[in-house]
Amino acid sequence: MGDKIMARLVLFVVMVGVGVLVLGMAQAAVSGRLGRNPVAGIRLPVTMASDSAWLTAHQAEKRPTQWAGWGAIAFALLSVLPSCFFADCAHIDFHRCRWVGRLRAFCRRRGKPCCTRSS
């Protein structure tokens, strides 16, 4: 397995792990299972002042924190897709997909090398 592919797989695993941890932390903080601590959560002086401030802040920020977790997972999926920005995908025939023409045009406008057809 090539170094680029291995690096992308490691990136995928790490980003999915981070996304899952953020989602779990958000749920635990909102439910009260994650109490005030110096490691995880919204650690502002105002929120660290009391348990009720901690819980209120996490309840108010539940949705943005969940968006962050799901965003990490979504971008992890992008890290394993072939694209002209970070992969040599000459060995994969993705040219039957509709998005390939748009992707190649986008890359050409930016002067990046694009994927080539398989032999």
PDB file of N, CA and C in Angstrom:
ATOM      1  N   MET A   1       0.850  -1.179   0.000  1.00  0.00           N
ATOM      2  CA  MET A   1       0.000   0.000   0.000  1.00  0.00           C
ATOM      3  C   MET A   1       0.892   1.237   0.000  1.00  0.00           C
ATOM      4  N   GLY A   2       0.569   2.217  -0.842  1.00  0.00           N
ATOM      5  CA  GLY A   2       1.386   3.409  -0.963  1.00  0.00           C
ATOM      6  C   GLY A   2       1.308   4.302   0.258  1.00  0.00           C
ATOM      7  N   ASP A   3       2.326   5.143   0.378  1.00  0.00           N
ATOM      8  CA  ASP A   3       2.378   6.066   1.513  1.00  0.00           C
ATOM      9  C   ASP A   3       1.205   7.041   1.518  1.00  0.00           C
ATOM     10  N   LYS A   4       0.811   7.525   0.329  1.00  0.00           N
ATOM     11  CA  LYS A   4      -0.304   8.465   0.253  1.00  0.00           C
ATOM     12  C   LYS A   4      -1.610   7.811   0.704  1.00  0.00           C
ATOM     13  N   ILE A   5      -1.819   6.595   0.264  1.00  0.00           N
ATOM     14  CA  ILE A   5      -3.051   5.899   0.642  1.00  0.00           C
ATOM     15  C   ILE A   5      -3.063   5.626   2.136  1.00  0.00           C
ATOM     16  N   MET A   6      -1.935   5.190   2.681  1.00  0.00           N
ATOM     17  CA  MET A   6      -1.855   4.922   4.115  1.00  0.00           C
ATOM     18  C   MET A   6      -2.098   6.201   4.917  1.00  0.00           C
ATOM     19  N   ALA A   7      -1.508   7.299   4.488  1.00  0.00           N
ATOM     20  CA  ALA A   7      -1.703   8.571   5.191  1.00  0.00           C
ATOM     21  C   ALA A   7      -3.170   8.987   5.158  1.00  0.00           C
ATOM     22  N   ARG A   8      -3.817   8.798   4.023  1.00  0.00           N
ATOM     23  CA  ARG A   8      -5.228   9.161   3.924  1.00  0.00           C
ATOM     24  C   ARG A   8      -6.094   8.258   4.784  1.00  0.00           C
ATOM     25  N   LEU A   9      -5.761   6.989   4.879  1.00  0.00           N
ATOM     26  CA  LEU A   9      -6.529   6.075   5.740  1.00  0.00           C
ATOM     27  C   LEU A   9      -6.354   6.433   7.213  1.00  0.00           C
ATOM     28  N   VAL A  10      -5.134   6.783   7.606  1.00  0.00           N
ATOM     29  CA  VAL A  10      -4.895   7.211   8.989  1.00  0.00           C
ATOM     30  C   VAL A  10      -5.674   8.493   9.275  1.00  0.00           C
ATOM     31  N   LEU A  11      -5.640   9.441   8.348  1.00  0.00           N
ATOM     32  CA  LEU A  11      -6.408  10.674   8.498  1.00  0.00           C
ATOM     33  C   LEU A  11      -7.896  10.373   8.646  1.00  0.00           C
ATOM     34  N   PHE A  12      -8.401   9.458   7.847  1.00  0.00           N
ATOM     35  CA  PHE A  12      -9.808   9.070   7.917  1.00  0.00           C
ATOM     36  C   PHE A  12     -10.162   8.526   9.297  1.00  0.00           C
ATOM     37  N   VAL A  13      -9.361   7.596   9.793  1.00  0.00           N
ATOM     38  CA  VAL A  13      -9.634   6.980  11.096  1.00  0.00           C
ATOM     39  C   VAL A  13      -9.573   8.011  12.214  1.00  0.00           C
ATOM     40  N   VAL A  14      -8.569   8.889  12.176  1.00  0.00           N
ATOM     41  CA  VAL A  14      -8.427   9.909  13.220  1.00  0.00           C
ATOM     42  C   VAL A  14      -9.605  10.883  13.185  1.00  0.00           C
ATOM     43  N   MET A  15      -9.979  11.334  11.995  1.00  0.00           N
ATOM     44  CA  MET A  15     -11.071  12.310  11.904  1.00  0.00           C
ATOM     45  C   MET A  15     -12.412  11.707  12.308  1.00  0.00           C
ATOM     46  N   VAL A  16     -12.666  10.468  11.941  1.00  0.00           N
ATOM     47  CA  VAL A  16     -13.906   9.816  12.377  1.00  0.00           C
ATOM     48  C   VAL A  16     -13.884   9.660  13.892  1.00  0.00           C
ATOM     49  N   GLY A  17     -12.738   9.269  14.442  1.00  0.00           N
ATOM     50  CA  GLY A  17     -12.616   9.141  15.899  1.00  0.00           C
ATOM     51  C   GLY A  17     -12.869  10.448  16.615  1.00  0.00           C
ATOM     52  N   VAL A  18     -12.307  11.527  16.097  1.00  0.00           N
ATOM     53  CA  VAL A  18     -12.512  12.848  16.703  1.00  0.00           C
ATOM     54  C   VAL A  18     -13.980  13.239  16.609  1.00  0.00           C
ATOM     55  N   GLY A  19     -14.597  13.007  15.466  1.00  0.00           N
ATOM     56  CA  GLY A  19     -16.013  13.331  15.311  1.00  0.00           C
ATOM     57  C   GLY A  19     -16.890  12.571  16.296  1.00  0.00           C
ATOM     58  N   VAL A  20     -16.608  11.293  16.458  1.00  0.00           N
ATOM     59  CA  VAL A  20     -17.378  10.476  17.400  1.00  0.00           C
ATOM     60  C   VAL A  20     -17.147  10.955  18.836  1.00  0.00           C
ATOM     61  N   LEU A  21     -15.910  11.298  19.167  1.00  0.00           N
ATOM     62  CA  LEU A  21     -15.624  11.811  20.510  1.00  0.00           C
ATOM     63  C   LEU A  21     -16.333  13.135  20.780  1.00  0.00           C
ATOM     64  N   VAL A  22     -16.352  14.024  19.790  1.00  0.00           N
ATOM     65  CA  VAL A  22     -17.038  15.307  19.967  1.00  0.00           C
ATOM     66  C   VAL A  22     -18.542  15.083  20.148  1.00  0.00           C
ATOM     67  N   LEU A  23     -19.123  14.189  19.349  1.00  0.00           N
ATOM     68  CA  LEU A  23     -20.545  13.889  19.501  1.00  0.00           C
ATOM     69  C   LEU A  23     -20.845  13.287  20.873  1.00  0.00           C
ATOM     70  N   GLY A  24     -20.001  12.377  21.320  1.00  0.00           N
ATOM     71  CA  GLY A  24     -20.184  11.772  22.640  1.00  0.00           C
ATOM     72  C   GLY A  24     -20.013  12.767  23.767  1.00  0.00           C
ATOM     73  N   MET A  25     -19.017  13.646  23.632  1.00  0.00           N
ATOM     74  CA  MET A  25     -18.788  14.666  24.643  1.00  0.00           C
ATOM     75  C   MET A  25     -19.969  15.625  24.717  1.00  0.00           C
ATOM     76  N   ALA A  26     -20.501  16.009  23.559  1.00  0.00           N
ATOM     77  CA  ALA A  26     -21.654  16.921  23.538  1.00  0.00           C
ATOM     78  C   ALA A  26     -22.846  16.294  24.242  1.00  0.00           C
ATOM     79  N   GLN A  27     -23.104  15.042  23.944  1.00  0.00           N
ATOM     80  CA  GLN A  27     -24.243  14.367  24.573  1.00  0.00           C
ATOM     81  C   GLN A  27     -24.039  14.207  26.078  1.00  0.00           C
ATOM     82  N   ALA A  28     -22.842  13.852  26.482  1.00  0.00           N
ATOM     83  CA  ALA A  28     -22.558  13.682  27.915  1.00  0.00           C
ATOM     84  C   ALA A  28     -22.649  15.009  28.659  1.00  0.00           C
ATOM     85  N   ALA A  29     -22.179  16.077  28.058  1.00  0.00           N
ATOM     86  CA  ALA A  29     -22.223  17.389  28.716  1.00  0.00           C
ATOM     87  C   ALA A  29     -23.653  17.891  28.846  1.00  0.00           C
ATOM     88  N   VAL A  30     -24.457  17.685  27.821  1.00  0.00           N
ATOM     89  CA  VAL A  30     -25.849  18.142  27.853  1.00  0.00           C
ATOM     90  C   VAL A  30     -26.667  17.345  28.866  1.00  0.00           C
ATOM     91  N   SER A  31     -26.372  16.064  28.972  1.00  0.00           N
ATOM     92  CA  SER A  31     -27.137  15.227  29.908  1.00  0.00           C
ATOM     93  C   SER A  31     -26.661  15.367  31.353  1.00  0.00           C
ATOM     94  N   GLY A  32     -25.530  16.027  31.570  1.00  0.00           N
ATOM     95  CA  GLY A  32     -25.019  16.210  32.922  1.00  0.00           C
ATOM     96  C   GLY A  32     -24.020  15.156  33.354  1.00  0.00           C
ATOM     97  N   ARG A  33     -23.750  14.173  32.513  1.00  0.00           N
ATOM     98  CA  ARG A  33     -22.773  13.137  32.859  1.00  0.00           C
ATOM     99  C   ARG A  33     -21.341  13.661  32.828  1.00  0.00           C
ATOM    100  N   LEU A  34     -21.094  14.700  32.034  1.00  0.00           N
ATOM    101  CA  LEU A  34     -19.768  15.312  31.968  1.00  0.00           C
ATOM    102  C   LEU A  34     -19.805  16.579  32.813  1.00  0.00           C
ATOM    103  N   GLY A  35     -19.281  16.473  33.999  1.00  0.00           N
ATOM    104  CA  GLY A  35     -19.282  17.626  34.896  1.00  0.00           C
ATOM    105  C   GLY A  35     -18.162  18.600  34.574  1.00  0.00           C
ATOM    106  N   ARG A  36     -18.101  19.673  35.347  1.00  0.00           N
ATOM    107  CA  ARG A  36     -17.035  20.654  35.143  1.00  0.00           C
ATOM    108  C   ARG A  36     -15.685  19.980  35.268  1.00  0.00           C
ATOM    109  N   ASN A  37     -14.810  20.282  34.307  1.00  0.00           N
ATOM    110  CA  ASN A  37     -13.472  19.696  34.317  1.00  0.00           C
ATOM    111  C   ASN A  37     -12.548  20.579  33.493  1.00  0.00           C
ATOM    112  N   PRO A  38     -11.240  20.453  33.695  1.00  0.00           N
ATOM    113  CA  PRO A  38     -10.296  21.298  32.955  1.00  0.00           C
ATOM    114  C   PRO A  38      -9.876  20.734  31.595  1.00  0.00           C
ATOM    115  N   VAL A  39     -10.496  19.645  31.133  1.00  0.00           N
ATOM    116  CA  VAL A  39     -10.038  18.984  29.925  1.00  0.00           C
ATOM    117  C   VAL A  39     -11.024  19.089  28.765  1.00  0.00           C
ATOM    118  N   ALA A  40     -12.292  18.760  28.991  1.00  0.00           N
ATOM    119  CA  ALA A  40     -13.268  18.695  27.895  1.00  0.00           C
ATOM    120  C   ALA A  40     -14.479  19.555  28.198  1.00  0.00           C
ATOM    121  N   GLY A  41     -14.999  20.169  27.145  1.00  0.00           N
ATOM    122  CA  GLY A  41     -16.196  20.973  27.288  1.00  0.00           C
ATOM    123  C   GLY A  41     -15.902  22.443  27.052  1.00  0.00           C
ATOM    124  N   ILE A  42     -16.912  23.272  27.294  1.00  0.00           N
ATOM    125  CA  ILE A  42     -16.769  24.718  27.134  1.00  0.00           C
ATOM    126  C   ILE A  42     -16.167  25.249  28.421  1.00  0.00           C
ATOM    127  N   ARG A  43     -14.866  25.551  28.392  1.00  0.00           N
ATOM    128  CA  ARG A  43     -14.126  25.893  29.608  1.00  0.00           C
ATOM    129  C   ARG A  43     -13.828  27.387  29.665  1.00  0.00           C
ATOM    130  N   LEU A  44     -14.857  28.173  29.772  1.00  0.00           N
ATOM    131  CA  LEU A  44     -14.702  29.619  29.957  1.00  0.00           C
ATOM    132  C   LEU A  44     -14.830  29.929  31.441  1.00  0.00           C
ATOM    133  N   PRO A  45     -14.289  31.048  31.888  1.00  0.00           N
ATOM    134  CA  PRO A  45     -14.438  31.387  33.308  1.00  0.00           C
ATOM    135  C   PRO A  45     -15.895  31.416  33.759  1.00  0.00           C
ATOM    136  N   VAL A  46     -16.786  31.878  32.893  1.00  0.00           N
ATOM    137  CA  VAL A  46     -18.213  31.940  33.245  1.00  0.00           C
ATOM    138  C   VAL A  46     -18.799  30.535  33.416  1.00  0.00           C
ATOM    139  N   THR A  47     -18.448  29.615  32.525  1.00  0.00           N
ATOM    140  CA  THR A  47     -19.016  28.268  32.614  1.00  0.00           C
ATOM    141  C   THR A  47     -18.373  27.450  33.729  1.00  0.00           C
ATOM    142  N   MET A  48     -17.135  27.763  34.062  1.00  0.00           N
ATOM    143  CA  MET A  48     -16.460  27.021  35.130  1.00  0.00           C
ATOM    144  C   MET A  48     -16.866  27.515  36.523  1.00  0.00           C
ATOM    145  N   ALA A  49     -17.631  28.603  36.569  1.00  0.00           N
ATOM    146  CA  ALA A  49     -18.005  29.193  37.860  1.00  0.00           C
ATOM    147  C   ALA A  49     -18.972  28.325  38.650  1.00  0.00           C
ATOM    148  N   SER A  50     -19.887  27.640  37.971  1.00  0.00           N
ATOM    149  CA  SER A  50     -20.867  26.813  38.693  1.00  0.00           C
ATOM    150  C   SER A  50     -21.347  25.674  37.806  1.00  0.00           C
ATOM    151  N   ASP A  51     -21.918  24.657  38.458  1.00  0.00           N
ATOM    152  CA  ASP A  51     -22.451  23.520  37.707  1.00  0.00           C
ATOM    153  C   ASP A  51     -23.629  23.930  36.832  1.00  0.00           C
ATOM    154  N   SER A  52     -24.466  24.838  37.327  1.00  0.00           N
ATOM    155  CA  SER A  52     -25.627  25.253  36.532  1.00  0.00           C
ATOM    156  C   SER A  52     -25.179  26.047  35.301  1.00  0.00           C
ATOM    157  N   ALA A  53     -24.150  26.881  35.423  1.00  0.00           N
ATOM    158  CA  ALA A  53     -23.634  27.618  34.273  1.00  0.00           C
ATOM    159  C   ALA A  53     -23.022  26.657  33.254  1.00  0.00           C
ATOM    160  N   TRP A  54     -22.311  25.651  33.751  1.00  0.00           N
ATOM    161  CA  TRP A  54     -21.714  24.631  32.886  1.00  0.00           C
ATOM    162  C   TRP A  54     -22.799  23.915  32.080  1.00  0.00           C
ATOM    163  N   LEU A  55     -23.833  23.448  32.755  1.00  0.00           N
ATOM    164  CA  LEU A  55     -24.902  22.712  32.092  1.00  0.00           C
ATOM    165  C   LEU A  55     -25.671  23.614  31.124  1.00  0.00           C
ATOM    166  N   THR A  56     -25.973  24.839  31.526  1.00  0.00           N
ATOM    167  CA  THR A  56     -26.710  25.767  30.667  1.00  0.00           C
ATOM    168  C   THR A  56     -25.931  26.072  29.388  1.00  0.00           C
ATOM    169  N   ALA A  57     -24.650  26.310  29.511  1.00  0.00           N
ATOM    170  CA  ALA A  57     -23.820  26.609  28.338  1.00  0.00           C
ATOM    171  C   ALA A  57     -23.790  25.432  27.375  1.00  0.00           C
ATOM    172  N   HIS A  58     -23.664  24.229  27.894  1.00  0.00           N
ATOM    173  CA  HIS A  58     -23.605  23.056  27.026  1.00  0.00           C
ATOM    174  C   HIS A  58     -24.951  22.758  26.387  1.00  0.00           C
ATOM    175  N   GLN A  59     -26.028  23.027  27.106  1.00  0.00           N
ATOM    176  CA  GLN A  59     -27.346  22.841  26.506  1.00  0.00           C
ATOM    177  C   GLN A  59     -27.566  23.849  25.385  1.00  0.00           C
ATOM    178  N   ALA A  60     -27.105  25.079  25.584  1.00  0.00           N
ATOM    179  CA  ALA A  60     -27.259  26.111  24.563  1.00  0.00           C
ATOM    180  C   ALA A  60     -26.406  25.814  23.326  1.00  0.00           C
ATOM    181  N   GLU A  61     -25.268  25.205  23.512  1.00  0.00           N
ATOM    182  CA  GLU A  61     -24.343  24.944  22.403  1.00  0.00           C
ATOM    183  C   GLU A  61     -24.373  23.506  21.909  1.00  0.00           C
ATOM    184  N   LYS A  62     -25.425  22.774  22.223  1.00  0.00           N
ATOM    185  CA  LYS A  62     -25.510  21.377  21.810  1.00  0.00           C
ATOM    186  C   LYS A  62     -25.485  21.240  20.284  1.00  0.00           C
ATOM    187  N   ARG A  63     -26.328  21.988  19.596  1.00  0.00           N
ATOM    188  CA  ARG A  63     -26.415  21.856  18.139  1.00  0.00           C
ATOM    189  C   ARG A  63     -25.111  22.239  17.426  1.00  0.00           C
ATOM    190  N   PRO A  64     -24.473  23.382  17.738  1.00  0.00           N
ATOM    191  CA  PRO A  64     -23.199  23.682  17.059  1.00  0.00           C
ATOM    192  C   PRO A  64     -22.112  22.635  17.334  1.00  0.00           C
ATOM    193  N   THR A  65     -22.107  22.087  18.542  1.00  0.00           N
ATOM    194  CA  THR A  65     -21.116  21.055  18.861  1.00  0.00           C
ATOM    195  C   THR A  65     -21.399  19.788  18.067  1.00  0.00           C
ATOM    196  N   GLN A  66     -22.664  19.445  17.924  1.00  0.00           N
ATOM    197  CA  GLN A  66     -23.007  18.278  17.108  1.00  0.00           C
ATOM    198  C   GLN A  66     -22.644  18.518  15.642  1.00  0.00           C
ATOM    199  N   TRP A  67     -22.864  19.722  15.142  1.00  0.00           N
ATOM    200  CA  TRP A  67     -22.468  20.045  13.774  1.00  0.00           C
ATOM    201  C   TRP A  67     -20.960  19.860  13.601  1.00  0.00           C
ATOM    202  N   ALA A  68     -20.195  20.244  14.605  1.00  0.00           N
ATOM    203  CA  ALA A  68     -18.735  20.084  14.531  1.00  0.00           C
ATOM    204  C   ALA A  68     -18.362  18.601  14.451  1.00  0.00           C
ATOM    205  N   GLY A  69     -19.010  17.779  15.254  1.00  0.00           N
ATOM    206  CA  GLY A  69     -18.737  16.341  15.225  1.00  0.00           C
ATOM    207  C   GLY A  69     -19.095  15.717  13.890  1.00  0.00           C
ATOM    208  N   TRP A  70     -20.281  16.047  13.391  1.00  0.00           N
ATOM    209  CA  TRP A  70     -20.699  15.496  12.091  1.00  0.00           C
ATOM    210  C   TRP A  70     -19.845  16.068  10.960  1.00  0.00           C
ATOM    211  N   GLY A  71     -19.401  17.312  11.113  1.00  0.00           N
ATOM    212  CA  GLY A  71     -18.520  17.906  10.105  1.00  0.00           C
ATOM    213  C   GLY A  71     -17.193  17.173  10.020  1.00  0.00           C
ATOM    214  N   ALA A  72     -16.647  16.799  11.168  1.00  0.00           N
ATOM    215  CA  ALA A  72     -15.392  16.039  11.173  1.00  0.00           C
ATOM    216  C   ALA A  72     -15.573  14.705  10.467  1.00  0.00           C
ATOM    217  N   ILE A  73     -16.708  14.054  10.709  1.00  0.00           N
ATOM    218  CA  ILE A  73     -16.973  12.766  10.056  1.00  0.00           C
ATOM    219  C   ILE A  73     -17.152  12.957   8.551  1.00  0.00           C
ATOM    220  N   ALA A  74     -17.866  14.008   8.146  1.00  0.00           N
ATOM    221  CA  ALA A  74     -18.071  14.269   6.719  1.00  0.00           C
ATOM    222  C   ALA A  74     -16.751  14.559   6.015  1.00  0.00           C
ATOM    223  N   PHE A  75     -15.903  15.365   6.628  1.00  0.00           N
ATOM    224  CA  PHE A  75     -14.610  15.663   6.005  1.00  0.00           C
ATOM    225  C   PHE A  75     -13.696  14.449   6.026  1.00  0.00           C
ATOM    226  N   ALA A  76     -13.898  13.553   6.972  1.00  0.00           N
ATOM    227  CA  ALA A  76     -13.130  12.306   6.958  1.00  0.00           C
ATOM    228  C   ALA A  76     -13.482  11.500   5.713  1.00  0.00           C
ATOM    229  N   LEU A  77     -14.758  11.498   5.365  1.00  0.00           N
ATOM    230  CA  LEU A  77     -15.170  10.780   4.159  1.00  0.00           C
ATOM    231  C   LEU A  77     -14.532  11.405   2.918  1.00  0.00           C
ATOM    232  N   LEU A  78     -14.424  12.728   2.909  1.00  0.00           N
ATOM    233  CA  LEU A  78     -13.774  13.395   1.778  1.00  0.00           C
ATOM    234  C   LEU A  78     -12.297  13.031   1.676  1.00  0.00           C
ATOM    235  N   SER A  79     -11.675  12.715   2.801  1.00  0.00           N
ATOM    236  CA  SER A  79     -10.246  12.412   2.778  1.00  0.00           C
ATOM    237  C   SER A  79      -9.928  11.108   2.050  1.00  0.00           C
ATOM    238  N   VAL A  80     -10.903  10.229   1.903  1.00  0.00           N
ATOM    239  CA  VAL A  80     -10.635   8.969   1.211  1.00  0.00           C
ATOM    240  C   VAL A  80     -11.143   8.974  -0.229  1.00  0.00           C
ATOM    241  N   LEU A  81     -11.796  10.066  -0.649  1.00  0.00           N
ATOM    242  CA  LEU A  81     -12.230  10.161  -2.040  1.00  0.00           C
ATOM    243  C   LEU A  81     -11.064  10.609  -2.908  1.00  0.00           C
ATOM    244  N   PRO A  82     -10.967  10.090  -4.114  1.00  0.00           N
ATOM    245  CA  PRO A  82      -9.899  10.548  -4.995  1.00  0.00           C
ATOM    246  C   PRO A  82     -10.203  11.956  -5.493  1.00  0.00           C
ATOM    247  N   SER A  83      -9.203  12.792  -5.505  1.00  0.00           N
ATOM    248  CA  SER A  83      -9.356  14.127  -6.075  1.00  0.00           C
ATOM    249  C   SER A  83      -8.005  14.602  -6.551  1.00  0.00           C
ATOM    250  N   CYS A  84      -8.017  15.657  -7.340  1.00  0.00           N
ATOM    251  CA  CYS A  84      -6.769  16.141  -7.912  1.00  0.00           C
ATOM    252  C   CYS A  84      -5.946  16.923  -6.900  1.00  0.00           C
ATOM    253  N   PHE A  85      -6.464  17.167  -5.714  1.00  0.00           N
ATOM    254  CA  PHE A  85      -5.711  17.945  -4.740  1.00  0.00           C
ATOM    255  C   PHE A  85      -4.697  17.115  -3.970  1.00  0.00           C
ATOM    256  N   PHE A  86      -5.009  15.860  -3.683  1.00  0.00           N
ATOM    257  CA  PHE A  86      -4.091  15.112  -2.828  1.00  0.00           C
ATOM    258  C   PHE A  86      -3.941  13.645  -3.182  1.00  0.00           C
ATOM    259  N   ALA A  87      -4.243  13.269  -4.391  1.00  0.00           N
ATOM    260  CA  ALA A  87      -4.122  11.848  -4.705  1.00  0.00           C
ATOM    261  C   ALA A  87      -3.669  11.626  -6.137  1.00  0.00           C
ATOM    262  N   ASP A  88      -2.917  10.585  -6.335  1.00  0.00           N
ATOM    263  CA  ASP A  88      -2.594  10.121  -7.663  1.00  0.00           C
ATOM    264  C   ASP A  88      -3.543   8.969  -7.937  1.00  0.00           C
ATOM    265  N   CYS A  89      -4.620   9.244  -8.644  1.00  0.00           N
ATOM    266  CA  CYS A  89      -5.647   8.216  -8.819  1.00  0.00           C
ATOM    267  C   CYS A  89      -5.620   7.629 -10.221  1.00  0.00           C
ATOM    268  N   ALA A  90      -4.451   7.589 -10.841  1.00  0.00           N
ATOM    269  CA  ALA A  90      -4.347   7.066 -12.197  1.00  0.00           C
ATOM    270  C   ALA A  90      -4.739   5.593 -12.273  1.00  0.00           C
ATOM    271  N   HIS A  91      -4.627   4.883 -11.182  1.00  0.00           N
ATOM    272  CA  HIS A  91      -4.936   3.464 -11.185  1.00  0.00           C
ATOM    273  C   HIS A  91      -6.424   3.181 -10.982  1.00  0.00           C
ATOM    274  N   ILE A  92      -7.243   4.208 -10.806  1.00  0.00           N
ATOM    275  CA  ILE A  92      -8.666   4.019 -10.550  1.00  0.00           C
ATOM    276  C   ILE A  92      -9.456   4.645 -11.693  1.00  0.00           C
ATOM    277  N   ASP A  93     -10.447   3.944 -12.220  1.00  0.00           N
ATOM    278  CA  ASP A  93     -11.252   4.479 -13.315  1.00  0.00           C
ATOM    279  C   ASP A  93     -12.529   5.095 -12.753  1.00  0.00           C
ATOM    280  N   PHE A  94     -12.449   6.383 -12.410  1.00  0.00           N
ATOM    281  CA  PHE A  94     -13.603   7.109 -11.891  1.00  0.00           C
ATOM    282  C   PHE A  94     -14.251   7.971 -12.975  1.00  0.00           C
ATOM    283  N   HIS A  95     -13.837   7.807 -14.213  1.00  0.00           N
ATOM    284  CA  HIS A  95     -14.258   8.721 -15.263  1.00  0.00           C
ATOM    285  C   HIS A  95     -15.672   8.455 -15.751  1.00  0.00           C
ATOM    286  N   ARG A  96     -16.336   7.466 -15.228  1.00  0.00           N
ATOM    287  CA  ARG A  96     -17.733   7.239 -15.575  1.00  0.00           C
ATOM    288  C   ARG A  96     -18.662   8.043 -14.675  1.00  0.00           C
ATOM    289  N   CYS A  97     -18.126   8.614 -13.628  1.00  0.00           N
ATOM    290  CA  CYS A  97     -18.937   9.411 -12.697  1.00  0.00           C
ATOM    291  C   CYS A  97     -19.208  10.783 -13.291  1.00  0.00           C
ATOM    292  N   ARG A  98     -20.376  11.349 -12.993  1.00  0.00           N
ATOM    293  CA  ARG A  98     -20.761  12.661 -13.520  1.00  0.00           C
ATOM    294  C   ARG A  98     -19.881  13.780 -12.996  1.00  0.00           C
ATOM    295  N   TRP A  99     -19.418  13.670 -11.776  1.00  0.00           N
ATOM    296  CA  TRP A  99     -18.682  14.761 -11.150  1.00  0.00           C
ATOM    297  C   TRP A  99     -17.252  14.883 -11.637  1.00  0.00           C
ATOM    298  N   VAL A 100     -16.770  13.888 -12.366  1.00  0.00           N
ATOM    299  CA  VAL A 100     -15.367  13.919 -12.767  1.00  0.00           C
ATOM    300  C   VAL A 100     -15.079  15.075 -13.717  1.00  0.00           C
ATOM    301  N   GLY A 101     -15.974  15.333 -14.669  1.00  0.00           N
ATOM    302  CA  GLY A 101     -15.763  16.443 -15.597  1.00  0.00           C
ATOM    303  C   GLY A 101     -15.692  17.771 -14.874  1.00  0.00           C
ATOM    304  N   ARG A 102     -16.567  17.966 -13.926  1.00  0.00           N
ATOM    305  CA  ARG A 102     -16.556  19.207 -13.144  1.00  0.00           C
ATOM    306  C   ARG A 102     -15.287  19.303 -12.300  1.00  0.00           C
ATOM    307  N   LEU A 103     -14.886  18.190 -11.703  1.00  0.00           N
ATOM    308  CA  LEU A 103     -13.685  18.168 -10.874  1.00  0.00           C
ATOM    309  C   LEU A 103     -12.445  18.494 -11.708  1.00  0.00           C
ATOM    310  N   ARG A 104     -12.354  17.900 -12.903  1.00  0.00           N
ATOM    311  CA  ARG A 104     -11.191  18.156 -13.756  1.00  0.00           C
ATOM    312  C   ARG A 104     -11.150  19.612 -14.200  1.00  0.00           C
ATOM    313  N   ALA A 105     -12.307  20.190 -14.533  1.00  0.00           N
ATOM    314  CA  ALA A 105     -12.352  21.603 -14.932  1.00  0.00           C
ATOM    315  C   ALA A 105     -11.947  22.497 -13.762  1.00  0.00           C
ATOM    316  N   PHE A 106     -12.431  22.167 -12.575  1.00  0.00           N
ATOM    317  CA  PHE A 106     -12.086  22.926 -11.369  1.00  0.00           C
ATOM    318  C   PHE A 106     -10.580  22.885 -11.134  1.00  0.00           C
ATOM    319  N   CYS A 107      -9.981  21.724 -11.288  1.00  0.00           N
ATOM    320  CA  CYS A 107      -8.544  21.568 -11.064  1.00  0.00           C
ATOM    321  C   CYS A 107      -7.739  22.316 -12.117  1.00  0.00           C
ATOM    322  N   ARG A 108      -8.177  22.246 -13.362  1.00  0.00           N
ATOM    323  CA  ARG A 108      -7.452  22.944 -14.429  1.00  0.00           C
ATOM    324  C   ARG A 108      -7.444  24.448 -14.192  1.00  0.00           C
ATOM    325  N   ARG A 109      -8.561  24.993 -13.703  1.00  0.00           N
ATOM    326  CA  ARG A 109      -8.619  26.432 -13.429  1.00  0.00           C
ATOM    327  C   ARG A 109      -7.612  26.828 -12.365  1.00  0.00           C
ATOM    328  N   ARG A 110      -7.267  25.922 -11.486  1.00  0.00           N
ATOM    329  CA  ARG A 110      -6.332  26.214 -10.410  1.00  0.00           C
ATOM    330  C   ARG A 110      -4.919  25.735 -10.703  1.00  0.00           C
ATOM    331  N   GLY A 111      -4.710  25.174 -11.886  1.00  0.00           N
ATOM    332  CA  GLY A 111      -3.380  24.744 -12.287  1.00  0.00           C
ATOM    333  C   GLY A 111      -2.913  23.477 -11.578  1.00  0.00           C
ATOM    334  N   LYS A 112      -3.837  22.686 -11.076  1.00  0.00           N
ATOM    335  CA  LYS A 112      -3.475  21.439 -10.396  1.00  0.00           C
ATOM    336  C   LYS A 112      -3.539  20.276 -11.367  1.00  0.00           C
ATOM    337  N   PRO A 113      -2.689  19.265 -11.195  1.00  0.00           N
ATOM    338  CA  PRO A 113      -2.789  18.079 -12.058  1.00  0.00           C
ATOM    339  C   PRO A 113      -4.046  17.301 -11.692  1.00  0.00           C
ATOM    340  N   CYS A 114      -4.681  16.743 -12.700  1.00  0.00           N
ATOM    341  CA  CYS A 114      -5.915  15.998 -12.466  1.00  0.00           C
ATOM    342  C   CYS A 114      -5.674  14.503 -12.648  1.00  0.00           C
ATOM    343  N   CYS A 115      -6.632  13.740 -12.214  1.00  0.00           N
ATOM    344  CA  CYS A 115      -6.574  12.290 -12.365  1.00  0.00           C
ATOM    345  C   CYS A 115      -6.571  11.938 -13.851  1.00  0.00           C
ATOM    346  N   THR A 116      -5.894  10.867 -14.185  1.00  0.00           N
ATOM    347  CA  THR A 116      -5.835  10.429 -15.575  1.00  0.00           C
ATOM    348  C   THR A 116      -6.550   9.111 -15.701  1.00  0.00           C
ATOM    349  N   ARG A 117      -6.901   8.759 -16.920  1.00  0.00           N
ATOM    350  CA  ARG A 117      -7.616   7.501 -17.158  1.00  0.00           C
ATOM    351  C   ARG A 117      -6.728   6.294 -16.878  1.00  0.00           C
ATOM    352  N   SER A 118      -7.379   5.216 -16.473  1.00  0.00           N
ATOM    353  CA  SER A 118      -6.665   3.946 -16.265  1.00  0.00           C
ATOM    354  C   SER A 118      -6.254   3.375 -17.587  1.00  0.00           C
ATOM    355  N   SER A 119      -5.198   2.607 -17.572  1.00  0.00           N
ATOM    356  CA  SER A 119      -4.753   1.945 -18.799  1.00  0.00           C
ATOM    357  C   SER A 119      -5.532   0.677 -18.994  1.00  0.00           C
TER     358      SER A 119
END
